[in-house]
Each structure stands twice: as structure tokens, then as C-alpha cells.
Amino acid sequence: MSTLPNCPKCNSEYTYEVGTLLTCPLCAHEWSNSENHALEKTRVWKDAHGNILQDGDTVTVIKDLKVKGASSVLKGGTKVRNIRLIDGDHDIDCKIEGFGSMELKSEFVKKA
């Protein structure tokens, strides 16, 4: 019998696993256990050429990208400084001159 932690919200001992999450049947709270947190923190972001990206890197856009809500495109070759890596579909958060704050996909950039 495995020993799962009690629910952090209601302290119920009747928790169970659903995929990678732990779930409480009494209050319906879902959370990741500490082992899953360690795996999530080791995520590696890579650019279009397979180079590992880190927070604060400078990257270059490799192709023209349409920007929602803007009348112009983000040109290939545009340098983006001081990126911040985030989880999600668009995994780079940055500020670009002329466009402002936006999110990019790592598959459309290369490390400068």
C-alpha cells in the first residue's frame, strides 16, 4: 500500500492519484506531489537549432512572424534581449522595440 500525503486544503487522508496529480475526493482539490515538482523544475527550453536557452539570453527571430493586433510583422533577424522563460505554448516572455511586451515560441528563435 502506498502512502500518499494528506490533502493540503482539508487534511483528508483519502487522497488518490490521477495521472501526475494527487486528488482529494472530499474537497476536489488537485495538486502535484513534491516528486513531480522536482521533475517540472528541470524542464529544458531549446531554440530552433537545439541550443539550450536560459533566462536573460539574447535570441534572434529566424523568420517573419505575424503579430496579432499589429499592422506589421516581426521581421526575421530581429534581436530580442533579456528573455524570460515561462511554461506554456508560447514559452518566451520578452519586450521587443516597436512592439512592446509579447510572448514567442522557442521554435522560431535562435540563440545569439
Protein backbone atom coordinates (compact mmCIF):
# COMPACT_ATOMS: atom_id res chain seq x y z
CA MET A 1 0.00 0.00 0.00
CA SER A 2 1.47 3.36 -1.00
CA THR A 3 1.42 6.26 1.42
CA LEU A 4 0.12 9.39 -0.22
CA PRO A 5 0.21 12.74 1.60
CA ASN A 6 -2.90 14.21 3.16
CA CYS A 7 -4.78 16.91 1.28
CA PRO A 8 -3.12 20.30 1.91
CA LYS A 9 -6.51 22.05 1.79
CA CYS A 10 -8.74 19.95 4.06
CA ASN A 11 -6.19 17.48 5.52
CA SER A 12 -8.17 14.45 4.30
CA GLU A 13 -6.28 11.16 4.29
CA TYR A 14 -8.29 9.75 1.36
CA THR A 15 -6.17 11.14 -1.47
CA TYR A 16 -5.57 9.32 -4.74
CA GLU A 17 -3.50 9.75 -7.91
CA VAL A 18 -4.93 10.85 -11.25
CA GLY A 19 -2.12 10.86 -13.79
CA THR A 20 0.59 13.10 -12.36
CA LEU A 21 -1.73 14.89 -9.92
CA LEU A 22 -2.97 13.98 -6.47
CA THR A 23 -6.69 14.50 -5.85
CA CYS A 24 -8.82 14.80 -2.74
CA PRO A 25 -12.30 13.21 -3.09
CA LEU A 26 -13.76 15.31 -0.26
CA CYS A 27 -12.90 18.85 -1.42
CA ALA A 28 -11.87 18.10 -5.06
CA HIS A 29 -8.51 19.84 -4.58
CA GLU A 30 -5.79 18.76 -7.04
CA TRP A 31 -2.04 19.27 -6.60
CA SER A 32 1.32 17.87 -7.65
CA ASN A 33 3.37 15.91 -5.19
CA SER A 34 6.92 17.02 -4.37
CA GLU A 35 8.48 14.46 -6.74
CA ASN A 36 6.56 15.94 -9.67
CA HIS A 37 7.68 19.47 -8.69
CA ALA A 38 11.32 18.38 -8.96
CA LEU A 39 10.69 16.99 -12.45
CA GLU A 40 8.84 20.13 -13.57
CA LYS A 41 11.68 22.40 -12.47
CA THR A 42 14.17 20.51 -14.62
CA ARG A 43 12.46 21.45 -17.89
CA VAL A 44 14.89 22.46 -20.61
CA TRP A 45 13.98 25.04 -23.26
CA LYS A 46 15.71 24.77 -26.64
CA ASP A 47 15.83 27.08 -29.65
CA ALA A 48 15.21 26.09 -33.29
CA HIS A 49 18.74 24.67 -33.58
CA GLY A 50 18.69 22.69 -30.31
CA ASN A 51 20.73 25.14 -28.20
CA ILE A 52 19.67 25.35 -24.57
CA LEU A 53 18.04 28.66 -23.61
CA GLN A 54 18.25 30.35 -20.21
CA ASP A 55 16.68 33.41 -18.61
CA GLY A 56 18.47 36.59 -19.69
CA ASP A 57 19.73 35.21 -23.02
CA THR A 58 19.65 37.17 -26.26
CA VAL A 59 17.91 35.47 -29.18
CA THR A 60 17.27 36.28 -32.84
CA VAL A 61 13.94 35.70 -34.60
CA ILE A 62 14.55 33.31 -37.54
CA LYS A 63 11.51 34.11 -39.71
CA ASP A 64 8.89 36.81 -40.21
CA LEU A 65 6.11 36.40 -37.65
CA LYS A 66 2.60 37.83 -37.82
CA VAL A 67 1.68 39.66 -34.62
CA LYS A 68 -1.96 39.67 -33.54
CA GLY A 69 -3.30 43.20 -33.20
CA ALA A 70 -0.38 44.78 -35.04
CA SER A 71 -0.42 46.10 -38.59
CA SER A 72 3.14 44.98 -39.28
CA VAL A 73 5.09 41.74 -38.93
CA LEU A 74 8.02 40.95 -36.66
CA LYS A 75 10.89 40.63 -39.13
CA GLY A 76 13.30 37.73 -39.17
CA GLY A 77 16.68 38.78 -37.80
CA THR A 78 15.19 40.92 -35.01
CA LYS A 79 17.30 40.61 -31.84
CA VAL A 80 15.47 40.11 -28.58
CA ARG A 81 17.45 40.78 -25.41
CA ASN A 82 16.92 39.60 -21.86
CA ILE A 83 14.32 36.87 -22.43
CA ARG A 84 12.38 35.20 -19.63
CA LEU A 85 11.38 31.53 -19.98
CA ILE A 86 7.85 30.54 -18.97
CA ASP A 87 5.67 27.44 -19.17
CA GLY A 88 3.01 27.31 -21.83
CA ASP A 89 2.53 27.22 -25.57
CA HIS A 90 4.50 30.44 -26.06
CA ASP A 91 7.47 29.82 -23.79
CA ILE A 92 9.49 33.06 -24.10
CA ASP A 93 8.34 36.29 -22.48
CA CYS A 94 10.15 39.40 -23.76
CA LYS A 95 9.99 43.05 -24.76
CA ILE A 96 10.67 43.99 -28.37
CA GLU A 97 11.33 47.54 -29.52
CA GLY A 98 8.44 48.79 -31.63
CA PHE A 99 6.10 46.01 -30.45
CA GLY A 100 6.30 46.06 -26.65
CA SER A 101 5.81 43.10 -24.36
CA MET A 102 5.00 39.81 -26.06
CA GLU A 103 5.45 36.06 -25.92
CA LEU A 104 7.29 33.98 -28.53
CA LYS A 105 7.64 30.29 -29.24
CA SER A 106 11.17 28.97 -28.82
CA GLU A 107 10.93 27.14 -32.14
CA PHE A 108 11.05 30.49 -34.00
CA VAL A 109 14.23 31.85 -32.40
CA LYS A 110 17.92 31.01 -32.31
CA LYS A 111 20.37 31.82 -29.55
CA ALA A 112 22.53 34.84 -30.45
